Amino acid sequence: MKTVSIREAQDRFDELAQDVERGETVTVTRDGKPVFDLVPREGAAQKKGGIDWEAGQAYLRSKGIVRTKGFISDDFDDPLPEDFLLRPLP
């Protein structure tokens, strides 16, 4: 935990904000007495961006949706028959 005066906090706000983003708590003081704390938001320091797959699965389960792994045929990547490729599109 870091402690800074209000004047120092004003001068170094960007640096202190980066410290808070990394999960550190900063106490701001006036005349040596704590006035307020800069604290990270819950979960802000843990993850940034991306997909929260666990939250998605929890949501599906809460709605009664059971997902199973998809099925891919053994011949999925085999070449297509020649007559299929020559047939005109509908």
N, C-alpha and C. Protein backbone atom coordinates (compact mmCIF):
# COMPACT_ATOMS: atom_id res chain seq x y z
N MET A 1 0.85 -1.18 0.00
CA MET A 1 0.00 0.00 0.00
C MET A 1 0.89 1.23 0.00
N LYS A 2 0.53 2.18 -0.82
CA LYS A 2 1.30 3.40 -0.99
C LYS A 2 0.53 4.54 -0.36
N THR A 3 1.25 5.49 0.26
CA THR A 3 0.62 6.67 0.86
C THR A 3 1.23 7.92 0.25
N VAL A 4 0.37 8.84 -0.22
CA VAL A 4 0.84 10.09 -0.83
C VAL A 4 -0.03 11.24 -0.34
N SER A 5 0.54 12.45 -0.38
CA SER A 5 -0.24 13.64 -0.03
C SER A 5 -1.14 14.03 -1.20
N ILE A 6 -2.11 14.87 -0.93
CA ILE A 6 -3.03 15.31 -1.99
C ILE A 6 -2.25 16.03 -3.09
N ARG A 7 -1.31 16.89 -2.70
CA ARG A 7 -0.53 17.64 -3.70
C ARG A 7 0.28 16.68 -4.56
N GLU A 8 0.91 15.69 -3.92
CA GLU A 8 1.69 14.70 -4.66
C GLU A 8 0.78 13.88 -5.57
N ALA A 9 -0.43 13.55 -5.09
CA ALA A 9 -1.38 12.79 -5.90
C ALA A 9 -1.78 13.56 -7.15
N GLN A 10 -1.95 14.90 -7.00
CA GLN A 10 -2.29 15.72 -8.16
C GLN A 10 -1.16 15.71 -9.19
N ASP A 11 0.06 15.79 -8.70
CA ASP A 11 1.20 15.85 -9.61
C ASP A 11 1.48 14.50 -10.28
N ARG A 12 1.18 13.39 -9.59
CA ARG A 12 1.54 12.06 -10.09
C ARG A 12 0.30 11.19 -10.36
N PHE A 13 -0.81 11.82 -10.71
CA PHE A 13 -2.07 11.07 -10.84
C PHE A 13 -1.97 9.93 -11.84
N ASP A 14 -1.37 10.18 -12.99
CA ASP A 14 -1.27 9.14 -14.02
C ASP A 14 -0.47 7.94 -13.51
N GLU A 15 0.64 8.20 -12.84
CA GLU A 15 1.46 7.13 -12.28
C GLU A 15 0.69 6.35 -11.21
N LEU A 16 -0.04 7.07 -10.36
CA LEU A 16 -0.83 6.40 -9.31
C LEU A 16 -1.96 5.57 -9.93
N ALA A 17 -2.56 6.07 -11.00
CA ALA A 17 -3.62 5.31 -11.67
C ALA A 17 -3.06 4.00 -12.23
N GLN A 18 -1.84 4.03 -12.75
CA GLN A 18 -1.23 2.80 -13.25
C GLN A 18 -0.95 1.83 -12.11
N ASP A 19 -0.54 2.35 -10.95
CA ASP A 19 -0.33 1.48 -9.79
C ASP A 19 -1.63 0.81 -9.37
N VAL A 20 -2.72 1.58 -9.38
CA VAL A 20 -4.03 1.03 -9.01
C VAL A 20 -4.47 -0.01 -10.02
N GLU A 21 -4.22 0.24 -11.30
CA GLU A 21 -4.56 -0.74 -12.34
C GLU A 21 -3.83 -2.06 -12.14
N ARG A 22 -2.64 -2.01 -11.57
CA ARG A 22 -1.88 -3.22 -11.29
C ARG A 22 -2.33 -3.90 -10.00
N GLY A 23 -3.33 -3.32 -9.30
CA GLY A 23 -3.88 -3.96 -8.12
C GLY A 23 -3.44 -3.36 -6.79
N GLU A 24 -2.66 -2.30 -6.82
CA GLU A 24 -2.18 -1.69 -5.59
C GLU A 24 -3.19 -0.67 -5.07
N THR A 25 -3.25 -0.51 -3.73
CA THR A 25 -4.11 0.49 -3.12
C THR A 25 -3.25 1.69 -2.74
N VAL A 26 -3.76 2.90 -3.04
CA VAL A 26 -3.03 4.13 -2.74
C VAL A 26 -3.88 4.96 -1.77
N THR A 27 -3.29 5.32 -0.62
CA THR A 27 -3.98 6.16 0.36
C THR A 27 -3.52 7.59 0.16
N VAL A 28 -4.49 8.52 0.04
CA VAL A 28 -4.19 9.93 -0.16
C VAL A 28 -4.44 10.64 1.17
N THR A 29 -3.46 11.46 1.59
CA THR A 29 -3.55 12.11 2.90
C THR A 29 -3.57 13.63 2.78
N ARG A 30 -4.10 14.28 3.82
CA ARG A 30 -4.04 15.74 3.97
C ARG A 30 -3.52 16.00 5.37
N ASP A 31 -2.46 16.71 5.47
CA ASP A 31 -1.82 16.98 6.76
C ASP A 31 -1.50 15.69 7.51
N GLY A 32 -1.11 14.65 6.75
CA GLY A 32 -0.71 13.38 7.36
C GLY A 32 -1.86 12.47 7.76
N LYS A 33 -3.12 12.92 7.55
CA LYS A 33 -4.29 12.10 7.91
C LYS A 33 -4.93 11.56 6.64
N PRO A 34 -5.28 10.27 6.64
CA PRO A 34 -5.91 9.68 5.45
C PRO A 34 -7.22 10.38 5.10
N VAL A 35 -7.36 10.70 3.82
CA VAL A 35 -8.58 11.35 3.33
C VAL A 35 -9.40 10.36 2.50
N PHE A 36 -8.74 9.66 1.58
CA PHE A 36 -9.43 8.65 0.77
C PHE A 36 -8.42 7.68 0.21
N ASP A 37 -8.94 6.55 -0.30
CA ASP A 37 -8.10 5.52 -0.90
C ASP A 37 -8.44 5.38 -2.37
N LEU A 38 -7.43 5.17 -3.16
CA LEU A 38 -7.63 4.78 -4.56
C LEU A 38 -7.47 3.27 -4.59
N VAL A 39 -8.54 2.57 -4.93
CA VAL A 39 -8.51 1.11 -4.90
C VAL A 39 -8.91 0.56 -6.27
N PRO A 40 -8.35 -0.59 -6.64
CA PRO A 40 -8.72 -1.18 -7.93
C PRO A 40 -10.15 -1.70 -7.90
N ARG A 41 -10.80 -1.64 -9.03
CA ARG A 41 -12.15 -2.21 -9.14
C ARG A 41 -12.02 -3.72 -9.06
N GLU A 42 -13.06 -4.35 -8.58
CA GLU A 42 -13.05 -5.81 -8.42
C GLU A 42 -12.86 -6.48 -9.77
N GLY A 43 -11.83 -7.30 -9.87
CA GLY A 43 -11.55 -8.05 -11.09
C GLY A 43 -10.79 -7.28 -12.14
N ALA A 44 -10.55 -5.97 -11.93
CA ALA A 44 -9.90 -5.17 -12.95
C ALA A 44 -8.45 -5.58 -13.17
N ALA A 45 -7.75 -5.95 -12.10
CA ALA A 45 -6.33 -6.28 -12.24
C ALA A 45 -6.12 -7.71 -12.72
N GLN A 46 -7.17 -8.53 -12.68
CA GLN A 46 -7.01 -9.94 -13.02
C GLN A 46 -7.07 -10.19 -14.51
N LYS A 47 -8.05 -9.64 -15.19
CA LYS A 47 -8.24 -9.92 -16.60
C LYS A 47 -8.48 -8.64 -17.37
N LYS A 48 -7.96 -8.62 -18.57
CA LYS A 48 -8.25 -7.51 -19.46
C LYS A 48 -8.58 -8.09 -20.82
N GLY A 49 -9.77 -7.79 -21.30
CA GLY A 49 -10.17 -8.25 -22.61
C GLY A 49 -10.36 -9.75 -22.71
N GLY A 50 -10.61 -10.22 -23.89
CA GLY A 50 -10.79 -11.64 -24.10
C GLY A 50 -12.19 -12.11 -23.76
N ILE A 51 -12.40 -13.38 -23.90
CA ILE A 51 -13.70 -13.99 -23.64
C ILE A 51 -13.65 -14.75 -22.33
N ASP A 52 -14.62 -14.51 -21.48
CA ASP A 52 -14.71 -15.24 -20.22
C ASP A 52 -15.56 -16.49 -20.47
N TRP A 53 -14.88 -17.59 -20.85
CA TRP A 53 -15.57 -18.82 -21.22
C TRP A 53 -16.33 -19.40 -20.04
N GLU A 54 -15.78 -19.29 -18.84
CA GLU A 54 -16.44 -19.84 -17.66
C GLU A 54 -17.76 -19.13 -17.40
N ALA A 55 -17.77 -17.82 -17.57
CA ALA A 55 -19.01 -17.06 -17.38
C ALA A 55 -20.04 -17.46 -18.44
N GLY A 56 -19.58 -17.69 -19.66
CA GLY A 56 -20.50 -18.13 -20.72
C GLY A 56 -21.12 -19.48 -20.42
N GLN A 57 -20.30 -20.42 -19.96
CA GLN A 57 -20.81 -21.74 -19.60
C GLN A 57 -21.78 -21.64 -18.42
N ALA A 58 -21.47 -20.80 -17.44
CA ALA A 58 -22.36 -20.63 -16.28
C ALA A 58 -23.70 -20.06 -16.73
N TYR A 59 -23.68 -19.12 -17.66
CA TYR A 59 -24.91 -18.53 -18.17
C TYR A 59 -25.76 -19.59 -18.87
N LEU A 60 -25.13 -20.39 -19.73
CA LEU A 60 -25.87 -21.43 -20.45
C LEU A 60 -26.48 -22.43 -19.46
N ARG A 61 -25.70 -22.82 -18.46
CA ARG A 61 -26.23 -23.76 -17.45
C ARG A 61 -27.41 -23.15 -16.71
N SER A 62 -27.34 -21.84 -16.40
CA SER A 62 -28.44 -21.19 -15.67
C SER A 62 -29.72 -21.15 -16.49
N LYS A 63 -29.59 -21.19 -17.83
CA LYS A 63 -30.76 -21.19 -18.72
C LYS A 63 -31.19 -22.60 -19.10
N GLY A 64 -30.51 -23.60 -18.53
CA GLY A 64 -30.87 -24.99 -18.81
C GLY A 64 -30.36 -25.51 -20.15
N ILE A 65 -29.39 -24.83 -20.71
CA ILE A 65 -28.83 -25.24 -22.00
C ILE A 65 -27.62 -26.12 -21.74
N VAL A 66 -27.69 -27.34 -22.21
CA VAL A 66 -26.58 -28.27 -22.02
C VAL A 66 -25.86 -28.38 -23.36
N ARG A 67 -24.60 -28.01 -23.35
CA ARG A 67 -23.83 -28.07 -24.59
C ARG A 67 -22.96 -29.31 -24.57
N THR A 68 -22.95 -29.99 -25.69
CA THR A 68 -22.08 -31.14 -25.84
C THR A 68 -21.04 -30.81 -26.90
N LYS A 69 -19.99 -31.52 -26.90
CA LYS A 69 -18.97 -31.29 -27.92
C LYS A 69 -19.53 -31.70 -29.27
N GLY A 70 -19.21 -30.96 -30.28
CA GLY A 70 -19.71 -31.25 -31.62
C GLY A 70 -19.11 -32.51 -32.20
N PHE A 71 -19.75 -33.03 -33.21
CA PHE A 71 -19.28 -34.24 -33.86
C PHE A 71 -18.73 -33.87 -35.22
N ILE A 72 -17.52 -34.31 -35.51
CA ILE A 72 -16.92 -34.11 -36.82
C ILE A 72 -16.66 -35.48 -37.42
N SER A 73 -17.21 -35.68 -38.59
CA SER A 73 -17.08 -36.96 -39.27
C SER A 73 -15.62 -37.26 -39.60
N ASP A 74 -15.28 -38.56 -39.66
CA ASP A 74 -13.92 -38.96 -39.99
C ASP A 74 -13.50 -38.52 -41.39
N ASP A 75 -14.48 -38.42 -42.32
CA ASP A 75 -14.14 -38.04 -43.69
C ASP A 75 -14.36 -36.54 -43.95
N PHE A 76 -14.39 -35.75 -42.91
CA PHE A 76 -14.67 -34.32 -43.04
C PHE A 76 -13.74 -33.63 -44.03
N ASP A 77 -12.45 -33.92 -43.93
CA ASP A 77 -11.50 -33.22 -44.78
C ASP A 77 -11.07 -34.01 -46.02
N ASP A 78 -11.81 -35.06 -46.33
CA ASP A 78 -11.53 -35.81 -47.56
C ASP A 78 -11.94 -34.96 -48.77
N PRO A 79 -11.31 -35.18 -49.91
CA PRO A 79 -11.69 -34.42 -51.11
C PRO A 79 -13.14 -34.70 -51.49
N LEU A 80 -13.80 -33.69 -52.05
CA LEU A 80 -15.18 -33.85 -52.50
C LEU A 80 -15.19 -34.65 -53.80
N PRO A 81 -16.29 -35.37 -54.06
CA PRO A 81 -16.37 -36.11 -55.32
C PRO A 81 -16.37 -35.15 -56.51
N GLU A 82 -15.83 -35.61 -57.62
CA GLU A 82 -15.69 -34.75 -58.79
C GLU A 82 -17.04 -34.28 -59.33
N ASP A 83 -18.05 -35.15 -59.30
CA ASP A 83 -19.36 -34.75 -59.84
C ASP A 83 -19.98 -33.65 -58.97
N PHE A 84 -19.67 -33.61 -57.71
CA PHE A 84 -20.18 -32.54 -56.83
C PHE A 84 -19.59 -31.20 -57.23
N LEU A 85 -18.31 -31.23 -57.57
CA LEU A 85 -17.64 -29.98 -57.92
C LEU A 85 -18.07 -29.45 -59.30
N LEU A 86 -18.51 -30.34 -60.20
CA LEU A 86 -18.92 -29.93 -61.54
C LEU A 86 -20.37 -29.52 -61.63
N ARG A 87 -21.16 -29.90 -60.65
CA ARG A 87 -22.59 -29.60 -60.64
C ARG A 87 -22.81 -28.10 -60.46
N PRO A 88 -23.70 -27.47 -61.24
CA PRO A 88 -23.95 -26.03 -61.08
C PRO A 88 -24.67 -25.74 -59.74
N LEU A 89 -24.46 -24.57 -59.23
CA LEU A 89 -25.12 -24.17 -57.99
C LEU A 89 -26.60 -23.92 -58.25
N PRO A 90 -27.45 -24.14 -57.27
CA PRO A 90 -28.91 -23.91 -57.46
C PRO A 90 -29.23 -22.46 -57.63
